[in-house]
Amino acid sequence: MSDLYFVDCCSPTLASIKCGSLFNCCFEDRNDFINWTQNYCKQFCRFGLRLLVLRVNDHNALIYLFRISQLRKMLCDPSNIEFLRSFGYPENCSQVYPCLQYLKKRVQSSHVSDFPHEIGLFLGYPLKDVSGFIQNHGQNCKLLGTWKVYGDVEIARSCFTKYQKCRRVYSDLWLSGKRSILELTVPG
């Protein structure tokens, strides 16, 4: 997988302005992929980041990069807990790892038509937008950007602008050779 692709997909999470990022990773050699993930798992821990492989096929993986502190905060919100419980998440949703294992199980058993869209919460999207997406089957949104907006358009627009600027700055720094992925990662 290209580091530039990683920077493009994950820069707001690396910068600590977004809870998590989800991306597909294509690979030719499974051992190289395992080494890549193990290396970044070790490196990211010191920055408060975690890397979780949600699903892996022959030459493709769906990976979730997240800020553990921001995920804990999201999982402590009573509205988010109630919402996740409606999808069968553990009673004690504030426990990060059981929730992640349940999310992983849902992703692995899903098909295109029944993908667990509650994953939006794990990416830092507002509850109103995640529930709106599910209720409307992805239709009738007020604004389309990083996600489909069903709630506050102005807050979402501001967020999209912030994410876009972050991607541009991080890509420029990486392309200039001045920064590696780890140098671009903000502790937290």
C-alpha atoms as a PDB file:
ATOM      1  CA  MET A   1       0.000   0.000   0.000  1.00  0.00           C
ATOM      2  CA  SER A   2       1.229   3.460  -0.861  1.00  0.00           C
ATOM      3  CA  ASP A   3       2.077   5.745   2.046  1.00  0.00           C
ATOM      4  CA  LEU A   4       0.617   8.647   0.063  1.00  0.00           C
ATOM      5  CA  TYR A   5      -2.709   6.799  -0.127  1.00  0.00           C
ATOM      6  CA  PHE A   6      -2.500   6.248   3.636  1.00  0.00           C
ATOM      7  CA  VAL A   7      -1.808   9.960   4.226  1.00  0.00           C
ATOM      8  CA  ASP A   8      -4.709  10.924   1.958  1.00  0.00           C
ATOM      9  CA  CYS A   9      -7.176   8.555   3.660  1.00  0.00           C
ATOM     10  CA  CYS A  10      -6.079   9.079   7.246  1.00  0.00           C
ATOM     11  CA  SER A  11      -4.575  12.549   7.638  1.00  0.00           C
ATOM     12  CA  PRO A  12      -7.452  13.995   9.754  1.00  0.00           C
ATOM     13  CA  THR A  13      -7.081  11.041  12.137  1.00  0.00           C
ATOM     14  CA  LEU A  14      -3.284  11.349  12.132  1.00  0.00           C
ATOM     15  CA  ALA A  15      -3.726  15.055  12.948  1.00  0.00           C
ATOM     16  CA  SER A  16      -6.100  14.202  15.830  1.00  0.00           C
ATOM     17  CA  ILE A  17      -9.025  16.166  14.375  1.00  0.00           C
ATOM     18  CA  LYS A  18     -11.058  13.045  13.541  1.00  0.00           C
ATOM     19  CA  CYS A  19     -11.817   9.958  15.646  1.00  0.00           C
ATOM     20  CA  GLY A  20     -11.132   7.383  12.968  1.00  0.00           C
ATOM     21  CA  SER A  21     -10.576   6.565   9.330  1.00  0.00           C
ATOM     22  CA  LEU A  22     -11.655   3.584   7.282  1.00  0.00           C
ATOM     23  CA  PHE A  23      -9.789   2.542   4.157  1.00  0.00           C
ATOM     24  CA  ASN A  24      -9.231  -0.341   1.789  1.00  0.00           C
ATOM     25  CA  CYS A  25      -5.753  -1.717   1.476  1.00  0.00           C
ATOM     26  CA  CYS A  26      -4.753  -3.788  -1.536  1.00  0.00           C
ATOM     27  CA  PHE A  27      -1.727  -6.020  -1.269  1.00  0.00           C
ATOM     28  CA  GLU A  28       0.010  -8.628  -3.361  1.00  0.00           C
ATOM     29  CA  ASP A  29       1.854 -10.531  -0.660  1.00  0.00           C
ATOM     30  CA  ARG A  30       0.024 -11.475   2.537  1.00  0.00           C
ATOM     31  CA  ASN A  31       3.257 -11.596   4.572  1.00  0.00           C
ATOM     32  CA  ASP A  32       4.180  -8.067   3.473  1.00  0.00           C
ATOM     33  CA  PHE A  33       0.714  -6.917   4.497  1.00  0.00           C
ATOM     34  CA  ILE A  34       1.028  -8.577   7.913  1.00  0.00           C
ATOM     35  CA  ASN A  35       4.468  -6.994   8.417  1.00  0.00           C
ATOM     36  CA  TRP A  36       3.111  -3.579   7.330  1.00  0.00           C
ATOM     37  CA  THR A  37       0.194  -3.725   9.790  1.00  0.00           C
ATOM     38  CA  GLN A  38       2.330  -5.046  12.667  1.00  0.00           C
ATOM     39  CA  ASN A  39       4.907  -2.319  12.099  1.00  0.00           C
ATOM     40  CA  TYR A  40       2.346   0.470  12.083  1.00  0.00           C
ATOM     41  CA  CYS A  41       0.444  -1.013  15.041  1.00  0.00           C
ATOM     42  CA  LYS A  42       3.600  -0.816  17.147  1.00  0.00           C
ATOM     43  CA  GLN A  43       4.531   2.650  15.905  1.00  0.00           C
ATOM     44  CA  PHE A  44       1.054   4.162  16.300  1.00  0.00           C
ATOM     45  CA  CYS A  45       0.542   2.968  19.887  1.00  0.00           C
ATOM     46  CA  ARG A  46       2.831   5.658  21.258  1.00  0.00           C
ATOM     47  CA  PHE A  47       0.630   8.283  19.570  1.00  0.00           C
ATOM     48  CA  GLY A  48      -2.648   6.954  21.007  1.00  0.00           C
ATOM     49  CA  LEU A  49      -3.656   5.404  17.679  1.00  0.00           C
ATOM     50  CA  ARG A  50      -4.749   1.879  16.954  1.00  0.00           C
ATOM     51  CA  LEU A  51      -5.008  -0.012  13.681  1.00  0.00           C
ATOM     52  CA  LEU A  52      -7.656  -2.718  13.370  1.00  0.00           C
ATOM     53  CA  VAL A  53      -8.082  -4.985  10.375  1.00  0.00           C
ATOM     54  CA  LEU A  54     -11.855  -5.371  10.106  1.00  0.00           C
ATOM     55  CA  ARG A  55     -11.921  -7.739   7.141  1.00  0.00           C
ATOM     56  CA  VAL A  56      -9.315  -9.363   4.927  1.00  0.00           C
ATOM     57  CA  ASN A  57      -9.738 -11.253   1.659  1.00  0.00           C
ATOM     58  CA  ASP A  58      -7.150 -12.686  -0.713  1.00  0.00           C
ATOM     59  CA  HIS A  59      -5.553  -9.355  -1.691  1.00  0.00           C
ATOM     60  CA  ASN A  60      -7.684  -6.726  -0.011  1.00  0.00           C
ATOM     61  CA  ALA A  61      -8.285  -5.583   3.564  1.00  0.00           C
ATOM     62  CA  LEU A  62     -10.647  -3.117   5.194  1.00  0.00           C
ATOM     63  CA  ILE A  63      -8.734  -1.264   7.903  1.00  0.00           C
ATOM     64  CA  TYR A  64      -9.886   1.031  10.689  1.00  0.00           C
ATOM     65  CA  LEU A  65      -7.374   3.530  12.129  1.00  0.00           C
ATOM     66  CA  PHE A  66      -8.643   5.255  15.257  1.00  0.00           C
ATOM     67  CA  ARG A  67      -7.787   7.458  18.215  1.00  0.00           C
ATOM     68  CA  ILE A  68      -8.442   5.395  21.320  1.00  0.00           C
ATOM     69  CA  SER A  69      -9.183   8.453  23.516  1.00  0.00           C
ATOM     70  CA  GLN A  70     -11.672   9.904  21.032  1.00  0.00           C
ATOM     71  CA  LEU A  71     -13.360   6.534  20.556  1.00  0.00           C
ATOM     72  CA  ARG A  72     -13.730   6.143  24.337  1.00  0.00           C
ATOM     73  CA  LYS A  73     -15.333   9.571  24.513  1.00  0.00           C
ATOM     74  CA  MET A  74     -17.790   8.682  21.730  1.00  0.00           C
ATOM     75  CA  LEU A  75     -18.663   5.404  23.443  1.00  0.00           C
ATOM     76  CA  CYS A  76     -19.431   7.203  26.720  1.00  0.00           C
ATOM     77  CA  ASP A  77     -22.151   9.382  25.185  1.00  0.00           C
ATOM     78  CA  PRO A  78     -25.548   8.016  26.352  1.00  0.00           C
ATOM     79  CA  SER A  79     -27.214   8.710  22.985  1.00  0.00           C
ATOM     80  CA  ASN A  80     -24.480   6.844  21.129  1.00  0.00           C
ATOM     81  CA  ILE A  81     -24.682   3.946  23.598  1.00  0.00           C
ATOM     82  CA  GLU A  82     -28.449   3.650  23.127  1.00  0.00           C
ATOM     83  CA  PHE A  83     -28.057   3.791  19.338  1.00  0.00           C
ATOM     84  CA  LEU A  84     -25.352   1.099  19.272  1.00  0.00           C
ATOM     85  CA  ARG A  85     -27.314  -1.161  21.610  1.00  0.00           C
ATOM     86  CA  SER A  86     -30.172  -1.083  19.088  1.00  0.00           C
ATOM     87  CA  PHE A  87     -27.795  -2.930  16.727  1.00  0.00           C
ATOM     88  CA  GLY A  88     -26.884  -5.525  19.329  1.00  0.00           C
ATOM     89  CA  TYR A  89     -23.686  -3.984  20.715  1.00  0.00           C
ATOM     90  CA  PRO A  90     -22.713  -5.096  24.231  1.00  0.00           C
ATOM     91  CA  GLU A  91     -24.719  -3.743  27.159  1.00  0.00           C
ATOM     92  CA  ASN A  92     -21.644  -1.942  28.462  1.00  0.00           C
ATOM     93  CA  CYS A  93     -20.869   0.020  25.299  1.00  0.00           C
ATOM     94  CA  SER A  94     -18.283   2.135  27.090  1.00  0.00           C
ATOM     95  CA  GLN A  95     -15.934  -0.859  26.875  1.00  0.00           C
ATOM     96  CA  VAL A  96     -13.935  -0.122  23.705  1.00  0.00           C
ATOM     97  CA  TYR A  97     -12.625  -3.554  22.757  1.00  0.00           C
ATOM     98  CA  PRO A  98     -15.859  -5.559  23.074  1.00  0.00           C
ATOM     99  CA  CYS A  99     -17.535  -2.911  20.883  1.00  0.00           C
ATOM    100  CA  LEU A 100     -14.742  -3.133  18.331  1.00  0.00           C
ATOM    101  CA  GLN A 101     -14.950  -6.922  18.277  1.00  0.00           C
ATOM    102  CA  TYR A 102     -18.694  -6.705  17.698  1.00  0.00           C
ATOM    103  CA  LEU A 103     -18.186  -4.137  14.929  1.00  0.00           C
ATOM    104  CA  LYS A 104     -15.572  -6.405  13.337  1.00  0.00           C
ATOM    105  CA  LYS A 105     -17.955  -9.350  13.520  1.00  0.00           C
ATOM    106  CA  ARG A 106     -20.711  -7.262  11.859  1.00  0.00           C
ATOM    107  CA  VAL A 107     -18.359  -6.094   9.098  1.00  0.00           C
ATOM    108  CA  GLN A 108     -17.090  -9.611   8.429  1.00  0.00           C
ATOM    109  CA  SER A 109     -20.581 -11.069   8.169  1.00  0.00           C
ATOM    110  CA  SER A 110     -21.976  -8.222   6.061  1.00  0.00           C
ATOM    111  CA  HIS A 111     -22.554  -7.887   2.356  1.00  0.00           C
ATOM    112  CA  VAL A 112     -22.866  -4.676   0.342  1.00  0.00           C
ATOM    113  CA  SER A 113     -26.611  -4.513   1.021  1.00  0.00           C
ATOM    114  CA  ASP A 114     -26.317  -4.851   4.808  1.00  0.00           C
ATOM    115  CA  PHE A 115     -23.036  -3.115   5.670  1.00  0.00           C
ATOM    116  CA  PRO A 116     -23.095  -1.923   9.313  1.00  0.00           C
ATOM    117  CA  HIS A 117     -23.497   1.807   8.715  1.00  0.00           C
ATOM    118  CA  GLU A 118     -23.342   2.541  12.424  1.00  0.00           C
ATOM    119  CA  ILE A 119     -19.607   2.482  11.725  1.00  0.00           C
ATOM    120  CA  GLY A 120     -20.050   6.197  11.024  1.00  0.00           C
ATOM    121  CA  LEU A 121     -20.031   6.803  14.775  1.00  0.00           C
ATOM    122  CA  PHE A 122     -16.673   5.041  15.004  1.00  0.00           C
ATOM    123  CA  LEU A 123     -15.397   7.430  12.317  1.00  0.00           C
ATOM    124  CA  GLY A 124     -16.522  10.482  14.288  1.00  0.00           C
ATOM    125  CA  TYR A 125     -19.637  11.336  12.287  1.00  0.00           C
ATOM    126  CA  PRO A 126     -22.517  12.950  14.202  1.00  0.00           C
ATOM    127  CA  LEU A 127     -25.207  10.586  15.474  1.00  0.00           C
ATOM    128  CA  LYS A 128     -27.937  12.520  13.663  1.00  0.00           C
ATOM    129  CA  ASP A 129     -26.134  11.998  10.344  1.00  0.00           C
ATOM    130  CA  VAL A 130     -25.440   8.310  10.967  1.00  0.00           C
ATOM    131  CA  SER A 131     -29.021   7.572  12.019  1.00  0.00           C
ATOM    132  CA  GLY A 132     -30.343   9.749   9.163  1.00  0.00           C
ATOM    133  CA  PHE A 133     -28.281   7.801   6.647  1.00  0.00           C
ATOM    134  CA  ILE A 134     -29.625   4.493   7.964  1.00  0.00           C
ATOM    135  CA  GLN A 135     -33.254   5.666   8.142  1.00  0.00           C
ATOM    136  CA  ASN A 136     -33.130   7.204   4.653  1.00  0.00           C
ATOM    137  CA  HIS A 137     -31.120   4.359   3.093  1.00  0.00           C
ATOM    138  CA  GLY A 138     -28.491   6.892   2.023  1.00  0.00           C
ATOM    139  CA  GLN A 139     -31.017   9.063   0.167  1.00  0.00           C
ATOM    140  CA  ASN A 140     -32.328  12.611   0.730  1.00  0.00           C
ATOM    141  CA  CYS A 141     -29.285  14.078   2.471  1.00  0.00           C
ATOM    142  CA  LYS A 142     -28.942  17.834   2.960  1.00  0.00           C
ATOM    143  CA  LEU A 143     -25.246  17.895   2.033  1.00  0.00           C
ATOM    144  CA  LEU A 144     -22.728  15.430   0.635  1.00  0.00           C
ATOM    145  CA  GLY A 145     -19.088  15.605   1.689  1.00  0.00           C
ATOM    146  CA  THR A 146     -16.921  13.294   3.750  1.00  0.00           C
ATOM    147  CA  TRP A 147     -20.248  11.776   4.817  1.00  0.00           C
ATOM    148  CA  LYS A 148     -23.918  12.390   4.008  1.00  0.00           C
ATOM    149  CA  VAL A 149     -25.365  15.083   6.226  1.00  0.00           C
ATOM    150  CA  TYR A 150     -28.875  14.838   7.672  1.00  0.00           C
ATOM    151  CA  GLY A 151     -28.299  17.152  10.646  1.00  0.00           C
ATOM    152  CA  ASP A 152     -26.419  20.429  11.015  1.00  0.00           C
ATOM    153  CA  VAL A 153     -25.165  21.466   7.579  1.00  0.00           C
ATOM    154  CA  GLU A 154     -22.978  24.351   8.759  1.00  0.00           C
ATOM    155  CA  ILE A 155     -21.087  22.295  11.326  1.00  0.00           C
ATOM    156  CA  ALA A 156     -20.575  19.535   8.748  1.00  0.00           C
ATOM    157  CA  ARG A 157     -19.429  21.996   6.074  1.00  0.00           C
ATOM    158  CA  SER A 158     -16.889  23.469   8.491  1.00  0.00           C
ATOM    159  CA  CYS A 159     -15.674  19.980   9.333  1.00  0.00           C
ATOM    160  CA  PHE A 160     -15.349  19.030   5.648  1.00  0.00           C
ATOM    161  CA  THR A 161     -13.268  22.162   5.024  1.00  0.00           C
ATOM    162  CA  LYS A 162     -11.003  21.327   7.965  1.00  0.00           C
ATOM    163  CA  TYR A 163     -10.512  17.753   6.745  1.00  0.00           C
ATOM    164  CA  GLN A 164      -9.812  18.896   3.181  1.00  0.00           C
ATOM    165  CA  LYS A 165      -7.212  21.416   4.349  1.00  0.00           C
ATOM    166  CA  CYS A 166      -5.584  18.780   6.559  1.00  0.00           C
ATOM    167  CA  ARG A 167      -5.351  16.330   3.638  1.00  0.00           C
ATOM    168  CA  ARG A 168      -3.808  18.983   1.411  1.00  0.00           C
ATOM    169  CA  VAL A 169      -1.239  20.090   4.002  1.00  0.00           C
ATOM    170  CA  TYR A 170      -0.302  16.531   4.934  1.00  0.00           C
ATOM    171  CA  SER A 171      -0.031  15.420   1.302  1.00  0.00           C
ATOM    172  CA  ASP A 172       2.160  18.429   0.479  1.00  0.00           C
ATOM    173  CA  LEU A 173       4.442  17.746   3.451  1.00  0.00           C
ATOM    174  CA  TRP A 174       4.701  14.062   2.615  1.00  0.00           C
ATOM    175  CA  LEU A 175       5.307  14.677  -1.103  1.00  0.00           C
ATOM    176  CA  SER A 176       8.005  17.240  -0.353  1.00  0.00           C
ATOM    177  CA  GLY A 177       9.899  14.527   1.501  1.00  0.00           C
ATOM    178  CA  LYS A 178       9.974  16.644   4.643  1.00  0.00           C
ATOM    179  CA  ARG A 179       7.797  14.342   6.692  1.00  0.00           C
ATOM    180  CA  SER A 180       7.155  10.638   7.146  1.00  0.00           C
ATOM    181  CA  ILE A 181       3.794   9.267   8.256  1.00  0.00           C
ATOM    182  CA  LEU A 182       5.024   9.036  11.833  1.00  0.00           C
ATOM    183  CA  GLU A 183       6.364  12.597  11.753  1.00  0.00           C
ATOM    184  CA  LEU A 184       2.923  13.721  10.589  1.00  0.00           C
ATOM    185  CA  THR A 185       1.192  11.926  13.455  1.00  0.00           C
ATOM    186  CA  VAL A 186       0.055  14.066  16.382  1.00  0.00           C
ATOM    187  CA  PRO A 187       0.293  12.454  19.836  1.00  0.00           C
ATOM    188  CA  GLY A 188      -2.896  12.187  21.847  1.00  0.00           C
END
